[in-house]
């Protein structure tokens, strides 16, 4: 678009650029609905398993240790909590990684 009087290109307005970028993102999201839905469900499963597996492994190891080496403290409870903490850190890692990738993809698409 040019200014007819001065033959200089007009600078796009920041608001119109922002609206255009949001509209383009919305159209891309509508085209990839099935991928996004399945990806989201898969990610929920991955995050769930990343918490459940270390928790159950910690509990199983704790039960085994309690049977082999009984003591005043419960190995089962202690290792269950440790497994839960490890699982939550693991899930946090996955979510942070995916969020970073989504933000980078969004920035690339906005440019």
N, C-alpha and C. Protein backbone atom coordinates (compact mmCIF):
# COMPACT_ATOMS: atom_id res chain seq x y z
N UNK A 1 0.85 -1.17 0.00
CA UNK A 1 0.00 0.00 0.00
C UNK A 1 0.90 1.24 0.00
N UNK A 2 0.59 2.20 -0.86
CA UNK A 2 1.41 3.41 -0.94
C UNK A 2 0.55 4.63 -0.73
N UNK A 3 1.17 5.66 -0.32
CA UNK A 3 0.50 6.94 -0.20
C UNK A 3 0.53 7.57 -1.58
N UNK A 4 -0.63 7.84 -2.16
CA UNK A 4 -0.70 8.32 -3.53
C UNK A 4 -0.10 9.71 -3.70
N UNK A 5 -0.12 10.51 -2.69
CA UNK A 5 0.40 11.86 -2.80
C UNK A 5 1.94 11.88 -2.77
N UNK A 6 2.54 11.04 -1.93
CA UNK A 6 3.99 11.10 -1.78
C UNK A 6 4.69 9.89 -2.38
N UNK A 7 3.97 8.88 -2.84
CA UNK A 7 4.53 7.65 -3.39
C UNK A 7 5.47 6.95 -2.41
N UNK A 8 5.16 7.00 -1.13
CA UNK A 8 5.95 6.34 -0.10
C UNK A 8 5.11 5.20 0.47
N UNK A 9 5.74 4.10 0.75
CA UNK A 9 4.97 3.01 1.35
C UNK A 9 4.51 3.40 2.76
N UNK A 10 3.28 3.05 3.06
CA UNK A 10 2.75 3.32 4.38
C UNK A 10 3.17 2.21 5.34
N UNK A 11 3.49 2.58 6.56
CA UNK A 11 3.85 1.59 7.57
C UNK A 11 2.56 0.94 8.09
N UNK A 12 2.57 -0.39 8.26
CA UNK A 12 1.38 -1.02 8.80
C UNK A 12 1.14 -0.59 10.24
N UNK A 13 -0.09 -0.45 10.58
CA UNK A 13 -0.43 -0.07 11.94
C UNK A 13 -0.20 -1.25 12.86
N UNK A 14 0.32 -1.00 14.05
CA UNK A 14 0.59 -2.10 14.97
C UNK A 14 -0.66 -2.92 15.28
N UNK A 15 -1.80 -2.28 15.45
CA UNK A 15 -3.03 -3.00 15.77
C UNK A 15 -3.45 -3.90 14.61
N UNK A 16 -3.38 -3.39 13.40
CA UNK A 16 -3.78 -4.20 12.25
C UNK A 16 -2.84 -5.39 12.07
N UNK A 17 -1.56 -5.17 12.34
CA UNK A 17 -0.59 -6.27 12.25
C UNK A 17 -0.90 -7.35 13.29
N UNK A 18 -1.20 -6.92 14.50
CA UNK A 18 -1.53 -7.85 15.58
C UNK A 18 -2.80 -8.63 15.27
N UNK A 19 -3.82 -7.94 14.76
CA UNK A 19 -5.08 -8.61 14.40
C UNK A 19 -4.84 -9.61 13.27
N UNK A 20 -4.06 -9.23 12.29
CA UNK A 20 -3.74 -10.12 11.19
C UNK A 20 -3.00 -11.36 11.66
N UNK A 21 -2.05 -11.18 12.57
CA UNK A 21 -1.28 -12.31 13.09
C UNK A 21 -2.17 -13.25 13.88
N UNK A 22 -3.09 -12.70 14.69
CA UNK A 22 -4.00 -13.54 15.45
C UNK A 22 -4.96 -14.29 14.54
N UNK A 23 -5.42 -13.64 13.50
CA UNK A 23 -6.31 -14.31 12.55
C UNK A 23 -5.58 -15.44 11.83
N UNK A 24 -4.34 -15.21 11.46
CA UNK A 24 -3.56 -16.26 10.79
C UNK A 24 -3.33 -17.44 11.74
N UNK A 25 -3.03 -17.16 13.01
CA UNK A 25 -2.86 -18.23 13.99
C UNK A 25 -4.14 -19.03 14.16
N UNK A 26 -5.26 -18.34 14.20
CA UNK A 26 -6.55 -19.01 14.37
C UNK A 26 -6.84 -19.92 13.18
N UNK A 27 -6.55 -19.44 11.98
CA UNK A 27 -6.76 -20.27 10.78
C UNK A 27 -5.86 -21.49 10.79
N UNK A 28 -4.59 -21.32 11.19
CA UNK A 28 -3.69 -22.47 11.28
C UNK A 28 -4.18 -23.47 12.31
N UNK A 29 -4.67 -22.98 13.44
CA UNK A 29 -5.18 -23.87 14.48
C UNK A 29 -6.40 -24.63 14.00
N UNK A 30 -7.26 -23.98 13.23
CA UNK A 30 -8.45 -24.66 12.71
C UNK A 30 -8.07 -25.74 11.71
N UNK A 31 -7.00 -25.54 10.97
CA UNK A 31 -6.55 -26.55 10.00
C UNK A 31 -5.95 -27.76 10.69
N UNK A 32 -5.38 -27.58 11.86
CA UNK A 32 -4.68 -28.66 12.55
C UNK A 32 -5.41 -29.11 13.80
N UNK A 33 -6.72 -29.08 13.80
CA UNK A 33 -7.49 -29.44 14.99
C UNK A 33 -7.26 -30.89 15.39
N UNK A 34 -7.34 -31.82 14.44
CA UNK A 34 -7.20 -33.23 14.81
C UNK A 34 -5.80 -33.52 15.36
N UNK A 35 -4.79 -32.95 14.74
CA UNK A 35 -3.43 -33.16 15.24
C UNK A 35 -3.29 -32.59 16.64
N UNK A 36 -3.84 -31.42 16.86
CA UNK A 36 -3.72 -30.76 18.15
C UNK A 36 -4.45 -31.53 19.23
N UNK A 37 -5.65 -32.02 18.93
CA UNK A 37 -6.42 -32.76 19.92
C UNK A 37 -5.69 -34.05 20.29
N UNK A 38 -5.26 -34.80 19.29
CA UNK A 38 -4.56 -36.05 19.58
C UNK A 38 -3.22 -35.79 20.26
N UNK A 39 -2.56 -34.74 19.85
CA UNK A 39 -1.29 -34.38 20.48
C UNK A 39 -1.51 -34.04 21.95
N UNK A 40 -2.57 -33.29 22.22
CA UNK A 40 -2.89 -32.92 23.61
C UNK A 40 -3.21 -34.13 24.46
N UNK A 41 -4.00 -35.06 23.91
CA UNK A 41 -4.31 -36.28 24.66
C UNK A 41 -3.07 -37.12 24.90
N UNK A 42 -2.23 -37.21 23.88
CA UNK A 42 -0.99 -37.95 24.04
C UNK A 42 -0.08 -37.33 25.08
N UNK A 43 -0.03 -36.01 25.09
CA UNK A 43 0.80 -35.31 26.06
C UNK A 43 0.27 -35.52 27.48
N UNK A 44 -1.05 -35.52 27.64
CA UNK A 44 -1.63 -35.78 28.96
C UNK A 44 -1.25 -37.18 29.42
N UNK A 45 -1.29 -38.15 28.49
CA UNK A 45 -0.90 -39.51 28.84
C UNK A 45 0.56 -39.61 29.21
N UNK A 46 1.40 -38.92 28.46
CA UNK A 46 2.84 -38.92 28.74
C UNK A 46 3.12 -38.33 30.11
N UNK A 47 2.47 -37.22 30.40
CA UNK A 47 2.69 -36.57 31.70
C UNK A 47 2.17 -37.46 32.83
N UNK A 48 1.01 -38.08 32.61
CA UNK A 48 0.47 -38.97 33.63
C UNK A 48 1.39 -40.14 33.92
N UNK A 49 1.87 -40.79 32.86
CA UNK A 49 2.76 -41.92 33.04
C UNK A 49 4.10 -41.49 33.64
N UNK A 50 4.55 -40.30 33.31
CA UNK A 50 5.84 -39.84 33.85
C UNK A 50 5.76 -39.61 35.35
N UNK A 51 4.56 -39.44 35.89
CA UNK A 51 4.37 -39.32 37.34
C UNK A 51 4.09 -40.69 37.96
N UNK A 52 3.24 -41.48 37.30
CA UNK A 52 2.80 -42.75 37.86
C UNK A 52 3.93 -43.76 37.95
N UNK A 53 4.72 -43.89 36.89
CA UNK A 53 5.76 -44.94 36.86
C UNK A 53 6.79 -44.77 37.98
N UNK A 54 7.40 -43.60 38.17
CA UNK A 54 8.37 -43.49 39.28
C UNK A 54 7.71 -43.68 40.65
N UNK A 55 6.46 -43.24 40.78
CA UNK A 55 5.76 -43.40 42.06
C UNK A 55 5.55 -44.88 42.37
N UNK A 56 5.06 -45.63 41.40
CA UNK A 56 4.83 -47.06 41.61
C UNK A 56 6.14 -47.82 41.80
N UNK A 57 7.16 -47.46 41.04
CA UNK A 57 8.46 -48.11 41.23
C UNK A 57 9.02 -47.85 42.62
N UNK A 58 8.86 -46.62 43.09
CA UNK A 58 9.31 -46.29 44.45
C UNK A 58 8.54 -47.08 45.50
N UNK A 59 7.22 -47.21 45.31
CA UNK A 59 6.41 -47.97 46.26
C UNK A 59 6.80 -49.44 46.23
N UNK A 60 6.99 -50.01 45.04
CA UNK A 60 7.36 -51.42 44.93
C UNK A 60 8.72 -51.68 45.58
N UNK A 61 9.68 -50.82 45.31
CA UNK A 61 10.99 -50.97 45.93
C UNK A 61 10.89 -50.83 47.45
N UNK A 62 10.06 -49.91 47.89
CA UNK A 62 9.86 -49.72 49.33
C UNK A 62 9.24 -50.94 49.99
N UNK A 63 8.26 -51.54 49.35
CA UNK A 63 7.64 -52.76 49.90
C UNK A 63 8.68 -53.87 49.99
N UNK A 64 9.48 -54.01 48.94
CA UNK A 64 10.52 -55.04 48.93
C UNK A 64 11.53 -54.79 50.06
N UNK A 65 11.97 -53.54 50.22
CA UNK A 65 12.93 -53.22 51.29
C UNK A 65 12.32 -53.41 52.67
N UNK A 66 11.04 -53.08 52.86
CA UNK A 66 10.39 -53.28 54.15
C UNK A 66 10.34 -54.76 54.52
N UNK A 67 10.15 -55.62 53.53
CA UNK A 67 10.12 -57.06 53.81
C UNK A 67 11.52 -57.58 54.12
N UNK A 68 12.53 -57.09 53.42
CA UNK A 68 13.90 -57.57 53.59
C UNK A 68 14.61 -56.94 54.79
N UNK A 69 14.39 -55.65 54.99
CA UNK A 69 15.11 -54.92 56.04
C UNK A 69 14.12 -54.06 56.85
N UNK A 70 13.32 -54.67 57.69
CA UNK A 70 12.37 -53.87 58.48
C UNK A 70 13.13 -52.95 59.46
N UNK A 71 12.55 -51.81 59.69
CA UNK A 71 13.18 -50.85 60.59
C UNK A 71 12.13 -49.95 61.20
N UNK A 72 12.58 -48.90 61.84
CA UNK A 72 11.65 -47.98 62.50
C UNK A 72 10.97 -47.05 61.50
N UNK A 73 11.58 -46.87 60.33
CA UNK A 73 11.00 -46.01 59.30
C UNK A 73 10.46 -46.86 58.15
N UNK A 74 9.42 -46.38 57.52
CA UNK A 74 8.80 -47.11 56.41
C UNK A 74 9.51 -46.76 55.10
N UNK A 75 10.17 -47.77 54.53
CA UNK A 75 10.79 -47.58 53.23
C UNK A 75 9.73 -47.31 52.17
N UNK A 76 8.59 -47.97 52.30
CA UNK A 76 7.53 -47.82 51.31
C UNK A 76 7.08 -46.37 51.21
N UNK A 77 6.78 -45.78 52.34
CA UNK A 77 6.29 -44.39 52.34
C UNK A 77 7.36 -43.44 51.84
N UNK A 78 8.59 -43.65 52.31
CA UNK A 78 9.67 -42.75 51.91
C UNK A 78 9.93 -42.84 50.41
N UNK A 79 10.02 -44.04 49.86
CA UNK A 79 10.31 -44.18 48.44
C UNK A 79 9.10 -43.83 47.57
N UNK A 80 7.90 -43.98 48.11
CA UNK A 80 6.70 -43.54 47.38
C UNK A 80 6.74 -42.03 47.18
N UNK A 81 7.07 -41.31 48.25
CA UNK A 81 7.15 -39.83 48.17
C UNK A 81 8.30 -39.41 47.24
N UNK A 82 9.44 -40.09 47.35
CA UNK A 82 10.57 -39.76 46.48
C UNK A 82 10.20 -40.02 45.02
N UNK A 83 9.53 -41.15 44.75
CA UNK A 83 9.09 -41.44 43.39
C UNK A 83 8.10 -40.41 42.88
N UNK A 84 7.20 -39.96 43.75
CA UNK A 84 6.24 -38.92 43.36
C UNK A 84 6.95 -37.62 43.03
N UNK A 85 7.92 -37.26 43.84
CA UNK A 85 8.68 -36.02 43.57
C UNK A 85 9.43 -36.13 42.24
N UNK A 86 10.08 -37.27 42.01
CA UNK A 86 10.80 -37.47 40.75
C UNK A 86 9.83 -37.40 39.57
N UNK A 87 8.65 -38.03 39.73
CA UNK A 87 7.65 -37.99 38.67
C UNK A 87 7.15 -36.59 38.38
N UNK A 88 6.92 -35.80 39.42
CA UNK A 88 6.46 -34.43 39.22
C UNK A 88 7.52 -33.57 38.55
N UNK A 89 8.78 -33.76 38.92
CA UNK A 89 9.87 -33.03 38.28
C UNK A 89 9.96 -33.43 36.81
N UNK A 90 9.79 -34.71 36.54
CA UNK A 90 9.81 -35.21 35.17
C UNK A 90 8.66 -34.59 34.35
N UNK A 91 7.46 -34.57 34.92
CA UNK A 91 6.31 -33.97 34.23
C UNK A 91 6.55 -32.48 34.00
N UNK A 92 7.08 -31.79 35.00
CA UNK A 92 7.37 -30.36 34.86
C UNK A 92 8.36 -30.14 33.72
N UNK A 93 9.34 -31.02 33.61
CA UNK A 93 10.32 -30.92 32.53
C UNK A 93 9.64 -31.03 31.17
N UNK A 94 8.75 -32.03 30.99
CA UNK A 94 8.06 -32.23 29.72
C UNK A 94 7.18 -31.03 29.37
N UNK A 95 6.44 -30.54 30.35
CA UNK A 95 5.53 -29.41 30.10
C UNK A 95 6.33 -28.17 29.73
N UNK A 96 7.42 -27.91 30.42
CA UNK A 96 8.27 -26.75 30.11
C UNK A 96 8.86 -26.87 28.71
N UNK A 97 9.31 -28.06 28.37
CA UNK A 97 9.88 -28.28 27.04
C UNK A 97 8.84 -28.03 25.94
N UNK A 98 7.65 -28.57 26.10
CA UNK A 98 6.59 -28.38 25.10
C UNK A 98 6.15 -26.92 25.02
N UNK A 99 6.08 -26.26 26.17
CA UNK A 99 5.69 -24.85 26.18
C UNK A 99 6.72 -24.01 25.44
N UNK A 100 7.99 -24.29 25.65
CA UNK A 100 9.06 -23.56 24.96
C UNK A 100 8.96 -23.78 23.45
N UNK A 101 8.74 -25.04 23.04
CA UNK A 101 8.62 -25.32 21.60
C UNK A 101 7.41 -24.63 21.00
N UNK A 102 6.29 -24.61 21.72
CA UNK A 102 5.09 -23.93 21.20
C UNK A 102 5.32 -22.44 21.07
N UNK A 103 5.98 -21.84 22.05
CA UNK A 103 6.25 -20.40 21.98
C UNK A 103 7.20 -20.07 20.83
N UNK A 104 8.21 -20.90 20.62
CA UNK A 104 9.14 -20.67 19.51
C UNK A 104 8.42 -20.80 18.18
N UNK A 105 7.55 -21.80 18.06
CA UNK A 105 6.79 -21.98 16.83
C UNK A 105 5.85 -20.79 16.58
N UNK A 106 5.25 -20.30 17.67
CA UNK A 106 4.35 -19.15 17.54
C UNK A 106 5.13 -17.91 17.10
N UNK A 107 6.31 -17.70 17.68
CA UNK A 107 7.12 -16.55 17.29
C UNK A 107 7.57 -16.66 15.84
N UNK A 108 7.92 -17.87 15.40
CA UNK A 108 8.32 -18.06 14.00
C UNK A 108 7.16 -17.78 13.06
N UNK A 109 5.96 -18.16 13.45
CA UNK A 109 4.79 -17.94 12.61
C UNK A 109 4.36 -16.47 12.60
N UNK A 110 4.65 -15.74 13.66
CA UNK A 110 4.27 -14.32 13.74
C UNK A 110 5.17 -13.46 12.86
N UNK A 111 6.36 -13.91 12.60
CA UNK A 111 7.30 -13.09 11.84
C UNK A 111 6.98 -13.10 10.37
